Amino acid sequence: MQQHGVGTLTFYDPTTNSCASLGHGIQDVDTGELVDISSGEFVSAQIINIDKGQENNPGKIEGIIDDETIIGQIYSNTQYGVYGYSENKEKLNLSTKQEIEVAKRDEIKIGEAYILCSLENGTTKEYKVQIEKIYINNNENNKSMIVKIVDDELLEKTGGIIQGMSGSPILQNGKLIGALTHVFVSDPQKRLWRICR
């Protein structure tokens, strides 16, 4: 049984069948450059271990590919995330009640928000966060907000934001406002987020 790092599917658009993951690109470990991906697959994973984050150790979620079912195909790896389309949306276990609107940049406010995260197999939960700063005009990279974890349950389980939570959607006032991207290694309770629009 081979363990792998995992990432989070950020959104699925039922009108176009498109989906995105991670909120940042997949980089070469040695060079730090984006990996040129002409094709790939979205697959589901079973979480087998959570390595809690702490100062100077970002922690991680480890998983295994749980079956051979392909959720979708990847066609692009960019600095803003991994993009593709779903060919097996039933595997996503979605309902129309989960559809949400994407917020405009000027709707995002400093204050309370939530992330959606799966830390237990088959279960997605909301966890409370605090938006501390917004870089509203940042179009140069995917780091547009600073968010702090304030949810006691999430802090107990993970110590804050850990590897594998990249791509977790952030919601405010019932709308999608961004995706989790990069952890502050010196403070795992804080993370940078990409604004969706």
N, C-alpha and C. Protein backbone atom coordinates (compact mmCIF):
# COMPACT_ATOMS: atom_id res chain seq x y z
N MET A 1 0.85 -1.18 0.00
CA MET A 1 0.00 0.00 0.00
C MET A 1 0.89 1.24 0.00
N GLN A 2 0.82 2.02 -1.06
CA GLN A 2 1.65 3.21 -1.18
C GLN A 2 0.88 4.44 -0.74
N GLN A 3 1.48 5.24 0.17
CA GLN A 3 0.86 6.46 0.64
C GLN A 3 1.21 7.61 -0.29
N HIS A 4 0.26 8.53 -0.43
CA HIS A 4 0.46 9.69 -1.29
C HIS A 4 0.00 10.94 -0.55
N GLY A 5 0.53 12.09 -0.95
CA GLY A 5 -0.06 13.34 -0.54
C GLY A 5 -1.37 13.52 -1.28
N VAL A 6 -2.30 14.23 -0.68
CA VAL A 6 -3.59 14.42 -1.30
C VAL A 6 -3.85 15.92 -1.49
N GLY A 7 -4.80 16.25 -2.31
CA GLY A 7 -5.25 17.62 -2.51
C GLY A 7 -6.76 17.64 -2.51
N THR A 8 -7.33 18.82 -2.46
CA THR A 8 -8.77 18.97 -2.34
C THR A 8 -9.37 19.54 -3.62
N LEU A 9 -10.48 18.94 -4.04
CA LEU A 9 -11.24 19.47 -5.17
C LEU A 9 -11.96 20.73 -4.71
N THR A 10 -11.70 21.85 -5.37
CA THR A 10 -12.24 23.14 -4.95
C THR A 10 -13.67 23.33 -5.42
N PHE A 11 -13.92 23.08 -6.70
CA PHE A 11 -15.28 23.26 -7.20
C PHE A 11 -15.55 22.36 -8.38
N TYR A 12 -16.84 22.13 -8.59
CA TYR A 12 -17.35 21.44 -9.77
C TYR A 12 -18.50 22.28 -10.30
N ASP A 13 -18.47 22.60 -11.59
CA ASP A 13 -19.50 23.41 -12.23
C ASP A 13 -20.40 22.50 -13.06
N PRO A 14 -21.64 22.26 -12.62
CA PRO A 14 -22.50 21.32 -13.33
C PRO A 14 -22.92 21.80 -14.72
N THR A 15 -22.84 23.10 -14.97
CA THR A 15 -23.24 23.59 -16.29
C THR A 15 -22.19 23.31 -17.36
N THR A 16 -20.93 23.19 -16.96
CA THR A 16 -19.85 22.96 -17.94
C THR A 16 -19.12 21.64 -17.70
N ASN A 17 -19.41 20.99 -16.56
CA ASN A 17 -18.72 19.76 -16.15
C ASN A 17 -17.26 20.02 -15.77
N SER A 18 -16.88 21.28 -15.64
CA SER A 18 -15.49 21.60 -15.31
C SER A 18 -15.27 21.53 -13.80
N CYS A 19 -14.01 21.30 -13.43
CA CYS A 19 -13.66 21.27 -12.01
C CYS A 19 -12.23 21.76 -11.83
N ALA A 20 -11.91 22.14 -10.60
CA ALA A 20 -10.58 22.64 -10.28
C ALA A 20 -10.17 22.14 -8.91
N SER A 21 -8.86 22.08 -8.69
CA SER A 21 -8.33 21.55 -7.45
C SER A 21 -7.09 22.32 -7.03
N LEU A 22 -6.75 22.23 -5.77
CA LEU A 22 -5.51 22.70 -5.14
C LEU A 22 -5.41 24.20 -4.88
N GLY A 23 -5.83 25.06 -5.80
CA GLY A 23 -5.65 26.49 -5.61
C GLY A 23 -4.24 26.97 -5.93
N HIS A 24 -3.36 26.05 -6.25
CA HIS A 24 -1.99 26.36 -6.70
C HIS A 24 -1.57 25.24 -7.65
N GLY A 25 -0.51 25.46 -8.38
CA GLY A 25 -0.05 24.45 -9.33
C GLY A 25 0.78 23.37 -8.69
N ILE A 26 0.95 22.27 -9.42
CA ILE A 26 1.85 21.19 -9.00
C ILE A 26 3.24 21.55 -9.49
N GLN A 27 4.19 21.60 -8.55
CA GLN A 27 5.54 22.04 -8.88
C GLN A 27 6.54 20.90 -8.81
N ASP A 28 7.60 21.02 -9.61
CA ASP A 28 8.72 20.08 -9.55
C ASP A 28 9.42 20.25 -8.20
N VAL A 29 9.65 19.16 -7.49
CA VAL A 29 10.26 19.20 -6.17
C VAL A 29 11.65 19.81 -6.20
N ASP A 30 12.41 19.54 -7.25
CA ASP A 30 13.80 20.02 -7.32
C ASP A 30 13.92 21.46 -7.81
N THR A 31 13.12 21.84 -8.80
CA THR A 31 13.29 23.17 -9.42
C THR A 31 12.28 24.20 -8.93
N GLY A 32 11.17 23.75 -8.38
CA GLY A 32 10.12 24.68 -7.97
C GLY A 32 9.29 25.20 -9.12
N GLU A 33 9.57 24.74 -10.33
CA GLU A 33 8.82 25.17 -11.52
C GLU A 33 7.54 24.35 -11.67
N LEU A 34 6.54 24.96 -12.32
CA LEU A 34 5.31 24.24 -12.60
C LEU A 34 5.59 23.04 -13.49
N VAL A 35 4.99 21.91 -13.17
CA VAL A 35 5.12 20.71 -13.99
C VAL A 35 4.22 20.86 -15.21
N ASP A 36 4.76 20.58 -16.38
CA ASP A 36 3.98 20.66 -17.62
C ASP A 36 3.10 19.42 -17.71
N ILE A 37 1.82 19.60 -17.53
CA ILE A 37 0.88 18.48 -17.54
C ILE A 37 -0.03 18.62 -18.76
N SER A 38 0.07 17.68 -19.67
CA SER A 38 -0.81 17.70 -20.84
C SER A 38 -2.05 16.87 -20.58
N SER A 39 -1.96 15.95 -19.62
CA SER A 39 -3.12 15.14 -19.25
C SER A 39 -2.88 14.51 -17.89
N GLY A 40 -3.93 14.12 -17.25
CA GLY A 40 -3.87 13.47 -15.94
C GLY A 40 -5.28 13.13 -15.50
N GLU A 41 -5.41 12.65 -14.28
CA GLU A 41 -6.71 12.20 -13.79
C GLU A 41 -6.97 12.69 -12.38
N PHE A 42 -8.24 13.06 -12.12
CA PHE A 42 -8.73 13.27 -10.77
C PHE A 42 -9.21 11.91 -10.26
N VAL A 43 -8.73 11.49 -9.11
CA VAL A 43 -9.19 10.23 -8.52
C VAL A 43 -9.53 10.47 -7.06
N SER A 44 -10.34 9.61 -6.50
CA SER A 44 -10.68 9.73 -5.09
C SER A 44 -9.62 9.04 -4.25
N ALA A 45 -9.50 9.49 -3.01
CA ALA A 45 -8.49 8.92 -2.10
C ALA A 45 -9.13 8.62 -0.76
N GLN A 46 -8.55 7.66 -0.08
CA GLN A 46 -8.96 7.32 1.28
C GLN A 46 -7.90 7.88 2.22
N ILE A 47 -8.32 8.71 3.17
CA ILE A 47 -7.39 9.28 4.14
C ILE A 47 -6.98 8.21 5.13
N ILE A 48 -5.66 8.06 5.31
CA ILE A 48 -5.18 7.03 6.24
C ILE A 48 -4.39 7.62 7.40
N ASN A 49 -3.96 8.89 7.27
CA ASN A 49 -3.18 9.48 8.36
C ASN A 49 -3.22 11.00 8.28
N ILE A 50 -3.27 11.64 9.44
CA ILE A 50 -3.14 13.09 9.53
C ILE A 50 -1.95 13.40 10.42
N ASP A 51 -0.95 14.04 9.83
CA ASP A 51 0.25 14.47 10.56
C ASP A 51 0.01 15.92 10.97
N LYS A 52 -0.19 16.15 12.27
CA LYS A 52 -0.56 17.46 12.78
C LYS A 52 0.52 18.50 12.51
N GLY A 53 0.11 19.69 12.11
CA GLY A 53 1.04 20.78 11.87
C GLY A 53 1.48 21.44 13.16
N GLN A 54 2.69 21.93 13.15
CA GLN A 54 3.21 22.70 14.27
C GLN A 54 4.25 23.68 13.73
N GLU A 55 4.78 24.54 14.57
CA GLU A 55 5.72 25.54 14.11
C GLU A 55 6.88 24.90 13.36
N ASN A 56 7.15 25.40 12.15
CA ASN A 56 8.22 24.93 11.27
C ASN A 56 8.02 23.51 10.75
N ASN A 57 6.83 22.96 10.91
CA ASN A 57 6.47 21.66 10.33
C ASN A 57 5.02 21.77 9.89
N PRO A 58 4.77 21.94 8.57
CA PRO A 58 3.41 22.22 8.12
C PRO A 58 2.42 21.06 8.25
N GLY A 59 2.89 19.85 8.56
CA GLY A 59 1.97 18.72 8.68
C GLY A 59 1.41 18.32 7.33
N LYS A 60 0.65 17.21 7.31
CA LYS A 60 0.10 16.75 6.04
C LYS A 60 -1.00 15.71 6.24
N ILE A 61 -1.82 15.60 5.20
CA ILE A 61 -2.81 14.54 5.11
C ILE A 61 -2.25 13.50 4.15
N GLU A 62 -2.24 12.24 4.57
CA GLU A 62 -1.77 11.16 3.70
C GLU A 62 -2.93 10.26 3.34
N GLY A 63 -2.91 9.77 2.11
CA GLY A 63 -3.98 8.91 1.67
C GLY A 63 -3.52 7.88 0.67
N ILE A 64 -4.43 7.01 0.31
CA ILE A 64 -4.19 6.02 -0.74
C ILE A 64 -5.33 6.13 -1.75
N ILE A 65 -5.04 5.79 -2.99
CA ILE A 65 -6.10 5.74 -4.00
C ILE A 65 -7.00 4.59 -3.63
N ASP A 66 -8.30 4.90 -3.40
CA ASP A 66 -9.16 3.88 -2.79
C ASP A 66 -9.78 2.90 -3.77
N ASP A 67 -9.84 3.25 -5.04
CA ASP A 67 -10.31 2.31 -6.05
C ASP A 67 -9.82 2.81 -7.40
N GLU A 68 -10.23 2.15 -8.44
CA GLU A 68 -9.74 2.53 -9.76
C GLU A 68 -10.71 3.42 -10.52
N THR A 69 -11.67 3.99 -9.81
CA THR A 69 -12.65 4.85 -10.47
C THR A 69 -12.05 6.22 -10.71
N ILE A 70 -12.10 6.68 -11.93
CA ILE A 70 -11.59 8.00 -12.29
C ILE A 70 -12.74 9.00 -12.19
N ILE A 71 -12.51 10.09 -11.45
CA ILE A 71 -13.52 11.13 -11.30
C ILE A 71 -13.54 12.03 -12.53
N GLY A 72 -12.36 12.33 -13.04
CA GLY A 72 -12.30 13.23 -14.19
C GLY A 72 -10.92 13.31 -14.78
N GLN A 73 -10.81 14.12 -15.81
CA GLN A 73 -9.54 14.29 -16.54
C GLN A 73 -8.97 15.68 -16.28
N ILE A 74 -7.66 15.76 -16.17
CA ILE A 74 -6.95 17.03 -15.99
C ILE A 74 -6.41 17.47 -17.33
N TYR A 75 -6.58 18.77 -17.63
CA TYR A 75 -6.02 19.28 -18.89
C TYR A 75 -5.07 20.46 -18.68
N SER A 76 -4.99 21.00 -17.44
CA SER A 76 -4.14 22.17 -17.26
C SER A 76 -3.63 22.27 -15.82
N ASN A 77 -2.34 22.59 -15.68
CA ASN A 77 -1.70 22.83 -14.39
C ASN A 77 -1.19 24.27 -14.41
N THR A 78 -1.78 25.14 -13.60
CA THR A 78 -1.41 26.56 -13.61
C THR A 78 -1.05 27.01 -12.21
N GLN A 79 -0.54 28.24 -12.10
CA GLN A 79 -0.21 28.77 -10.78
C GLN A 79 -1.46 28.96 -9.92
N TYR A 80 -2.65 28.94 -10.54
CA TYR A 80 -3.90 29.13 -9.81
C TYR A 80 -4.60 27.81 -9.48
N GLY A 81 -4.06 26.69 -9.93
CA GLY A 81 -4.66 25.41 -9.62
C GLY A 81 -4.62 24.44 -10.78
N VAL A 82 -5.15 23.27 -10.54
CA VAL A 82 -5.22 22.21 -11.54
C VAL A 82 -6.65 22.15 -12.05
N TYR A 83 -6.81 22.21 -13.38
CA TYR A 83 -8.14 22.31 -13.99
C TYR A 83 -8.42 21.09 -14.87
N GLY A 84 -9.70 20.74 -14.93
CA GLY A 84 -10.10 19.62 -15.76
C GLY A 84 -11.61 19.54 -15.86
N TYR A 85 -12.11 18.35 -16.15
CA TYR A 85 -13.54 18.15 -16.25
C TYR A 85 -13.89 16.80 -15.65
N SER A 86 -15.11 16.69 -15.17
CA SER A 86 -15.57 15.46 -14.55
C SER A 86 -16.22 14.56 -15.58
N GLU A 87 -15.87 13.29 -15.54
CA GLU A 87 -16.54 12.31 -16.40
C GLU A 87 -17.30 11.29 -15.57
N ASN A 88 -17.29 11.47 -14.25
CA ASN A 88 -17.98 10.55 -13.35
C ASN A 88 -18.47 11.35 -12.15
N LYS A 89 -19.38 12.30 -12.39
CA LYS A 89 -19.80 13.21 -11.32
C LYS A 89 -20.53 12.49 -10.18
N GLU A 90 -21.08 11.30 -10.46
CA GLU A 90 -21.75 10.55 -9.39
C GLU A 90 -20.77 10.23 -8.25
N LYS A 91 -19.50 10.06 -8.61
CA LYS A 91 -18.47 9.74 -7.61
C LYS A 91 -18.20 10.92 -6.67
N LEU A 92 -18.62 12.13 -7.08
CA LEU A 92 -18.41 13.31 -6.25
C LEU A 92 -19.43 13.41 -5.12
N ASN A 93 -20.51 12.61 -5.18
CA ASN A 93 -21.55 12.60 -4.15
C ASN A 93 -22.11 13.99 -3.89
N LEU A 94 -22.48 14.70 -4.95
CA LEU A 94 -23.00 16.05 -4.84
C LEU A 94 -24.51 16.06 -4.99
N SER A 95 -25.13 17.11 -4.47
CA SER A 95 -26.55 17.33 -4.70
C SER A 95 -26.75 18.78 -5.10
N THR A 96 -27.88 19.07 -5.71
CA THR A 96 -28.14 20.45 -6.14
C THR A 96 -28.27 21.39 -4.94
N LYS A 97 -28.54 20.86 -3.75
CA LYS A 97 -28.61 21.69 -2.54
C LYS A 97 -27.25 22.27 -2.19
N GLN A 98 -26.17 21.71 -2.74
CA GLN A 98 -24.82 22.18 -2.43
C GLN A 98 -24.34 23.25 -3.39
N GLU A 99 -25.14 23.62 -4.37
CA GLU A 99 -24.73 24.64 -5.32
C GLU A 99 -24.66 25.99 -4.63
N ILE A 100 -23.55 26.72 -4.87
CA ILE A 100 -23.40 28.04 -4.28
C ILE A 100 -22.88 29.01 -5.33
N GLU A 101 -23.15 30.27 -5.09
CA GLU A 101 -22.72 31.33 -5.99
C GLU A 101 -21.29 31.74 -5.68
N VAL A 102 -20.56 32.19 -6.71
CA VAL A 102 -19.21 32.73 -6.52
C VAL A 102 -19.33 34.22 -6.24
N ALA A 103 -18.68 34.68 -5.16
CA ALA A 103 -18.74 36.10 -4.78
C ALA A 103 -17.85 36.94 -5.68
N LYS A 104 -18.18 38.21 -5.78
CA LYS A 104 -17.30 39.18 -6.43
C LYS A 104 -16.28 39.66 -5.41
N ARG A 105 -15.14 40.14 -5.89
CA ARG A 105 -14.08 40.59 -4.97
C ARG A 105 -14.56 41.61 -3.95
N ASP A 106 -15.39 42.55 -4.38
CA ASP A 106 -15.80 43.61 -3.46
C ASP A 106 -16.81 43.14 -2.41
N GLU A 107 -17.25 41.88 -2.51
CA GLU A 107 -18.14 41.32 -1.49
C GLU A 107 -17.36 40.69 -0.33
N ILE A 108 -16.07 40.44 -0.52
CA ILE A 108 -15.27 39.78 0.51
C ILE A 108 -14.90 40.78 1.59
N LYS A 109 -15.12 40.40 2.85
CA LYS A 109 -14.88 41.29 3.97
C LYS A 109 -13.94 40.64 5.00
N ILE A 110 -13.21 41.47 5.71
CA ILE A 110 -12.43 40.99 6.86
C ILE A 110 -13.43 40.51 7.91
N GLY A 111 -13.14 39.35 8.52
CA GLY A 111 -14.03 38.82 9.54
C GLY A 111 -14.27 37.33 9.38
N GLU A 112 -15.37 36.88 9.91
CA GLU A 112 -15.68 35.45 9.98
C GLU A 112 -15.97 34.85 8.61
N ALA A 113 -15.49 33.63 8.41
CA ALA A 113 -15.76 32.86 7.21
C ALA A 113 -15.61 31.38 7.58
N TYR A 114 -15.76 30.51 6.58
CA TYR A 114 -15.67 29.06 6.82
C TYR A 114 -14.91 28.39 5.69
N ILE A 115 -14.21 27.31 6.01
CA ILE A 115 -13.66 26.47 4.96
C ILE A 115 -14.42 25.15 4.96
N LEU A 116 -14.48 24.53 3.80
CA LEU A 116 -15.03 23.18 3.67
C LEU A 116 -13.85 22.22 3.57
N CYS A 117 -13.85 21.21 4.39
CA CYS A 117 -12.70 20.30 4.42
C CYS A 117 -13.14 18.89 4.77
N SER A 118 -12.47 17.91 4.14
CA SER A 118 -12.71 16.50 4.44
C SER A 118 -11.51 15.94 5.19
N LEU A 119 -11.70 15.66 6.46
CA LEU A 119 -10.65 15.06 7.28
C LEU A 119 -10.99 13.63 7.67
N GLU A 120 -12.22 13.25 7.40
CA GLU A 120 -12.67 11.88 7.63
C GLU A 120 -13.28 11.39 6.32
N ASN A 121 -13.03 10.16 5.98
CA ASN A 121 -13.50 9.62 4.70
C ASN A 121 -15.01 9.74 4.57
N GLY A 122 -15.44 10.32 3.46
CA GLY A 122 -16.87 10.43 3.17
C GLY A 122 -17.58 11.57 3.88
N THR A 123 -16.85 12.40 4.63
CA THR A 123 -17.47 13.48 5.39
C THR A 123 -16.80 14.81 5.09
N THR A 124 -17.59 15.80 4.73
CA THR A 124 -17.09 17.15 4.53
C THR A 124 -17.74 18.04 5.57
N LYS A 125 -16.93 18.85 6.27
CA LYS A 125 -17.45 19.72 7.32
C LYS A 125 -17.02 21.15 7.11
N GLU A 126 -17.77 22.07 7.71
CA GLU A 126 -17.40 23.47 7.74
C GLU A 126 -16.59 23.74 9.00
N TYR A 127 -15.52 24.53 8.85
CA TYR A 127 -14.70 24.94 9.98
C TYR A 127 -14.54 26.45 9.96
N LYS A 128 -14.63 27.07 11.14
CA LYS A 128 -14.59 28.53 11.21
C LYS A 128 -13.17 29.06 11.05
N VAL A 129 -13.04 30.13 10.26
CA VAL A 129 -11.78 30.83 10.07
C VAL A 129 -12.03 32.33 10.20
N GLN A 130 -10.95 33.08 10.30
CA GLN A 130 -11.03 34.53 10.37
C GLN A 130 -10.21 35.12 9.23
N ILE A 131 -10.82 35.92 8.37
CA ILE A 131 -10.08 36.63 7.33
C ILE A 131 -9.43 37.84 7.99
N GLU A 132 -8.10 37.88 7.98
CA GLU A 132 -7.37 38.94 8.66
C GLU A 132 -6.93 40.06 7.73
N LYS A 133 -6.68 39.75 6.48
CA LYS A 133 -6.22 40.76 5.53
C LYS A 133 -6.64 40.36 4.13
N ILE A 134 -6.96 41.35 3.30
CA ILE A 134 -7.35 41.11 1.92
C ILE A 134 -6.46 41.96 1.02
N TYR A 135 -5.84 41.31 0.06
CA TYR A 135 -5.06 42.01 -0.97
C TYR A 135 -5.96 42.10 -2.20
N ILE A 136 -6.87 43.04 -2.19
CA ILE A 136 -7.96 43.07 -3.16
C ILE A 136 -7.49 43.29 -4.59
N ASN A 137 -6.37 43.98 -4.78
CA ASN A 137 -5.90 44.27 -6.14
C ASN A 137 -4.80 43.34 -6.61
N ASN A 138 -4.53 42.27 -5.87
CA ASN A 138 -3.44 41.38 -6.24
C ASN A 138 -3.87 40.45 -7.36
N ASN A 139 -3.37 40.68 -8.56
CA ASN A 139 -3.62 39.79 -9.69
C ASN A 139 -2.34 39.12 -10.16
N GLU A 140 -1.23 39.35 -9.45
CA GLU A 140 0.07 38.84 -9.88
C GLU A 140 0.25 37.37 -9.54
N ASN A 141 -0.30 36.93 -8.44
CA ASN A 141 -0.16 35.53 -8.04
C ASN A 141 -1.46 35.09 -7.37
N ASN A 142 -1.42 33.94 -6.74
CA ASN A 142 -2.65 33.41 -6.17
C ASN A 142 -2.75 33.65 -4.66
N LYS A 143 -2.05 34.64 -4.14
CA LYS A 143 -2.08 34.91 -2.71
C LYS A 143 -2.81 36.22 -2.47
N SER A 144 -4.07 36.14 -2.12
CA SER A 144 -4.90 37.33 -2.06
C SER A 144 -5.53 37.60 -0.70
N MET A 145 -5.42 36.68 0.23
CA MET A 145 -5.98 36.87 1.57
C MET A 145 -5.09 36.17 2.59
N ILE A 146 -5.13 36.66 3.80
CA ILE A 146 -4.54 35.94 4.93
C ILE A 146 -5.69 35.51 5.83
N VAL A 147 -5.72 34.22 6.12
CA VAL A 147 -6.80 33.64 6.90
C VAL A 147 -6.21 32.90 8.09
N LYS A 148 -6.85 33.03 9.24
CA LYS A 148 -6.41 32.33 10.44
C LYS A 148 -7.48 31.33 10.87
N ILE A 149 -7.05 30.13 11.21
CA ILE A 149 -7.96 29.11 11.72
C ILE A 149 -8.32 29.45 13.15
N VAL A 150 -9.62 29.49 13.45
CA VAL A 150 -10.08 29.76 14.81
C VAL A 150 -10.99 28.65 15.33
N ASP A 151 -11.21 27.63 14.52
CA ASP A 151 -12.10 26.53 14.88
C ASP A 151 -11.37 25.55 15.80
N ASP A 152 -11.86 25.38 17.01
CA ASP A 152 -11.19 24.52 18.00
C ASP A 152 -11.08 23.07 17.54
N GLU A 153 -12.13 22.57 16.89
CA GLU A 153 -12.10 21.17 16.44
C GLU A 153 -11.04 20.96 15.38
N LEU A 154 -10.95 21.90 14.44
CA LEU A 154 -9.95 21.78 13.38
C LEU A 154 -8.54 21.90 13.96
N LEU A 155 -8.34 22.83 14.88
CA LEU A 155 -7.02 22.99 15.51
C LEU A 155 -6.62 21.73 16.27
N GLU A 156 -7.58 21.09 16.91
CA GLU A 156 -7.29 19.86 17.63
C GLU A 156 -6.90 18.73 16.69
N LYS A 157 -7.57 18.64 15.55
CA LYS A 157 -7.31 17.55 14.60
C LYS A 157 -6.03 17.75 13.80
N THR A 158 -5.75 19.01 13.41
CA THR A 158 -4.67 19.23 12.45
C THR A 158 -3.59 20.20 12.93
N GLY A 159 -3.87 20.96 13.98
CA GLY A 159 -2.94 21.99 14.43
C GLY A 159 -3.05 23.27 13.61
N GLY A 160 -3.92 23.30 12.64
CA GLY A 160 -4.08 24.45 11.75
C GLY A 160 -4.26 23.98 10.32
N ILE A 161 -3.65 24.66 9.39
CA ILE A 161 -3.72 24.28 7.98
C ILE A 161 -2.53 23.39 7.67
N ILE A 162 -2.79 22.26 7.03
CA ILE A 162 -1.72 21.32 6.70
C ILE A 162 -1.77 20.98 5.22
N GLN A 163 -0.67 20.41 4.73
CA GLN A 163 -0.61 19.99 3.34
C GLN A 163 -1.70 18.95 3.08
N GLY A 164 -2.37 19.09 1.96
CA GLY A 164 -3.51 18.23 1.65
C GLY A 164 -4.82 18.99 1.75
N MET A 165 -4.79 20.13 2.47
CA MET A 165 -5.98 20.96 2.55
C MET A 165 -5.98 22.03 1.45
N SER A 166 -4.91 22.09 0.67
CA SER A 166 -4.87 23.03 -0.45
C SER A 166 -6.05 22.78 -1.38
N GLY A 167 -6.71 23.85 -1.76
CA GLY A 167 -7.89 23.74 -2.60
C GLY A 167 -9.19 23.78 -1.82
N SER A 168 -9.11 23.66 -0.49
CA SER A 168 -10.34 23.72 0.31
C SER A 168 -11.07 25.03 0.06
N PRO A 169 -12.35 24.96 -0.28
CA PRO A 169 -13.10 26.19 -0.57
C PRO A 169 -13.28 27.01 0.70
N ILE A 170 -13.30 28.34 0.53
CA ILE A 170 -13.62 29.23 1.63
C ILE A 170 -14.93 29.93 1.29
N LEU A 171 -15.83 29.96 2.27
CA LEU A 171 -17.16 30.52 2.09
C LEU A 171 -17.37 31.69 3.04
N GLN A 172 -18.05 32.70 2.54
CA GLN A 172 -18.45 33.81 3.40
C GLN A 172 -19.83 34.27 2.93
N ASN A 173 -20.73 34.42 3.89
CA ASN A 173 -22.11 34.82 3.59
C ASN A 173 -22.74 33.94 2.52
N GLY A 174 -22.44 32.64 2.61
CA GLY A 174 -23.05 31.67 1.70
C GLY A 174 -22.52 31.65 0.30
N LYS A 175 -21.39 32.35 0.05
CA LYS A 175 -20.81 32.38 -1.29
C LYS A 175 -19.37 31.89 -1.25
N LEU A 176 -18.92 31.34 -2.39
CA LEU A 176 -17.54 30.91 -2.54
C LEU A 176 -16.67 32.14 -2.80
N ILE A 177 -15.64 32.35 -1.94
CA ILE A 177 -14.80 33.53 -2.12
C ILE A 177 -13.34 33.20 -2.40
N GLY A 178 -12.95 31.93 -2.29
CA GLY A 178 -11.56 31.62 -2.56
C GLY A 178 -11.23 30.17 -2.29
N ALA A 179 -9.94 29.87 -2.36
CA ALA A 179 -9.45 28.52 -2.11
C ALA A 179 -8.14 28.59 -1.34
N LEU A 180 -7.97 27.67 -0.43
CA LEU A 180 -6.77 27.58 0.38
C LEU A 180 -5.56 27.28 -0.51
N THR A 181 -4.42 27.96 -0.24
CA THR A 181 -3.24 27.70 -1.06
C THR A 181 -2.00 27.40 -0.24
N HIS A 182 -1.34 28.40 0.34
CA HIS A 182 -0.02 28.22 0.94
C HIS A 182 -0.05 28.44 2.45
N VAL A 183 0.59 27.54 3.19
CA VAL A 183 0.65 27.65 4.65
C VAL A 183 1.85 28.51 5.06
N PHE A 184 1.70 29.25 6.16
CA PHE A 184 2.84 29.90 6.80
C PHE A 184 3.51 28.83 7.66
N VAL A 185 4.69 28.38 7.29
CA VAL A 185 5.35 27.28 8.00
C VAL A 185 5.61 27.66 9.46
N SER A 186 5.89 28.94 9.71
CA SER A 186 6.16 29.37 11.08
C SER A 186 4.89 29.50 11.92
N ASP A 187 3.73 29.49 11.27
CA ASP A 187 2.46 29.61 11.99
C ASP A 187 1.38 28.85 11.24
N PRO A 188 1.20 27.54 11.52
CA PRO A 188 0.26 26.73 10.75
C PRO A 188 -1.20 27.12 10.93
N GLN A 189 -1.49 28.04 11.84
CA GLN A 189 -2.87 28.49 11.97
C GLN A 189 -3.24 29.49 10.88
N LYS A 190 -2.21 30.02 10.17
CA LYS A 190 -2.46 31.01 9.13
C LYS A 190 -2.12 30.44 7.76
N ARG A 191 -2.84 30.94 6.77
CA ARG A 191 -2.61 30.48 5.41
C ARG A 191 -3.02 31.56 4.44
N LEU A 192 -2.41 31.52 3.26
CA LEU A 192 -2.79 32.42 2.19
C LEU A 192 -3.87 31.78 1.34
N TRP A 193 -4.74 32.61 0.83
CA TRP A 193 -5.85 32.14 0.03
C TRP A 193 -5.87 32.85 -1.29
N ARG A 194 -6.40 32.20 -2.28
CA ARG A 194 -6.61 32.81 -3.58
C ARG A 194 -8.06 33.25 -3.68
N ILE A 195 -8.26 34.51 -4.08
CA ILE A 195 -9.60 35.00 -4.32
C ILE A 195 -10.11 34.43 -5.64
N CYS A 196 -11.37 34.02 -5.66
CA CYS A 196 -11.90 33.35 -6.85
C CYS A 196 -12.07 34.28 -8.04
N ARG A 197 -12.43 35.53 -7.84
CA ARG A 197 -12.63 36.43 -8.98
C ARG A 197 -11.76 37.65 -8.82
